[in-house]
Amino acid sequence: MPIYDYRCENCGTVYDVFHKVKEVEEDVVCPECESTKHTRLLSAPSIRMGSQQTTPSCAEGGCCDGSCGMN
């Protein structure tokens, strides 16, 4: 199941959602204020190398050299 990050447009909470195959984005609800108004965020994929799992960060220039504005 893919994992997506969302930001609530009402309260600003950022949260992860594990999507099922048939789940639609309109079914996503903020865990803090229960709003259905949200923005799906771009996030760096998790990369598995051997037995280690790493996620590049914007601060390290791993995903987009900071051009996404996340840092």
Protein backbone atom coordinates (compact mmCIF):
# COMPACT_ATOMS: atom_id res chain seq x y z
CA MET A 1 0.00 0.00 0.00
CA PRO A 2 1.39 3.42 -0.87
CA ILE A 3 1.84 6.02 1.85
CA TYR A 4 0.97 9.64 1.10
CA ASP A 5 1.62 12.80 3.15
CA TYR A 6 -1.16 15.38 3.43
CA ARG A 7 -1.42 18.87 4.95
CA CYS A 8 -4.82 19.95 6.30
CA GLU A 9 -5.93 23.27 4.81
CA ASN A 10 -7.94 24.13 7.95
CA CYS A 11 -5.51 23.46 10.83
CA GLY A 12 -2.16 22.90 9.06
CA THR A 13 -1.59 19.40 10.49
CA VAL A 14 0.66 17.18 8.36
CA TYR A 15 -0.25 13.49 8.45
CA ASP A 16 0.44 10.21 6.61
CA VAL A 17 -2.25 8.07 5.00
CA PHE A 18 -1.81 4.43 3.99
CA HIS A 19 -3.95 4.17 0.85
CA LYS A 20 -5.75 1.00 -0.03
CA VAL A 21 -6.04 0.08 -3.70
CA LYS A 22 -9.61 1.38 -4.10
CA GLU A 23 -9.40 4.29 -1.64
CA VAL A 24 -9.97 7.72 -3.13
CA GLU A 25 -8.38 10.99 -2.02
CA GLU A 26 -11.80 12.45 -1.15
CA ASP A 27 -12.07 9.88 1.69
CA VAL A 28 -9.03 11.33 3.49
CA VAL A 29 -9.90 13.04 6.80
CA CYS A 30 -7.62 15.13 9.04
CA PRO A 31 -6.95 13.28 12.32
CA GLU A 32 -6.96 16.58 14.28
CA CYS A 33 -9.96 18.57 13.03
CA GLU A 34 -11.70 15.97 10.81
CA SER A 35 -11.65 18.29 7.79
CA THR A 36 -11.65 16.82 4.29
CA LYS A 37 -9.87 19.87 2.83
CA HIS A 38 -6.22 18.94 2.31
CA THR A 39 -3.24 19.11 -0.03
CA ARG A 40 -1.21 16.03 -0.92
CA LEU A 41 2.48 16.79 -0.39
CA LEU A 42 5.44 15.65 -2.42
CA SER A 43 7.76 13.48 -0.37
CA ALA A 44 11.05 11.71 -1.00
CA PRO A 45 10.71 7.97 -1.55
CA SER A 46 12.19 5.54 0.90
CA ILE A 47 15.26 3.89 -0.61
CA ARG A 48 16.38 0.43 0.46
CA MET A 49 20.04 -0.44 -0.04
CA GLY A 50 21.00 -3.87 1.27
CA SER A 51 19.87 -4.09 4.88
CA GLN A 52 19.74 -0.31 5.40
CA GLN A 53 16.78 1.91 4.66
CA THR A 54 17.33 5.62 4.16
CA THR A 55 15.18 8.56 3.14
CA PRO A 56 17.01 11.50 1.56
CA SER A 57 16.17 14.82 3.15
CA CYS A 58 15.87 18.27 1.62
CA ALA A 59 18.31 19.60 4.21
CA GLU A 60 20.95 17.24 2.82
CA GLY A 61 20.04 18.15 -0.77
CA GLY A 62 18.87 14.56 -1.30
CA CYS A 63 15.52 15.04 -2.96
CA CYS A 64 15.63 18.28 -4.89
CA ASP A 65 18.49 20.44 -3.58
CA GLY A 66 15.99 22.44 -1.52
CA SER A 67 14.02 23.65 -4.53
CA CYS A 68 10.78 22.17 -3.16
CA GLY A 69 10.71 24.71 -0.32
CA MET A 70 10.34 22.05 2.38
CA ASN A 71 13.46 23.21 4.29
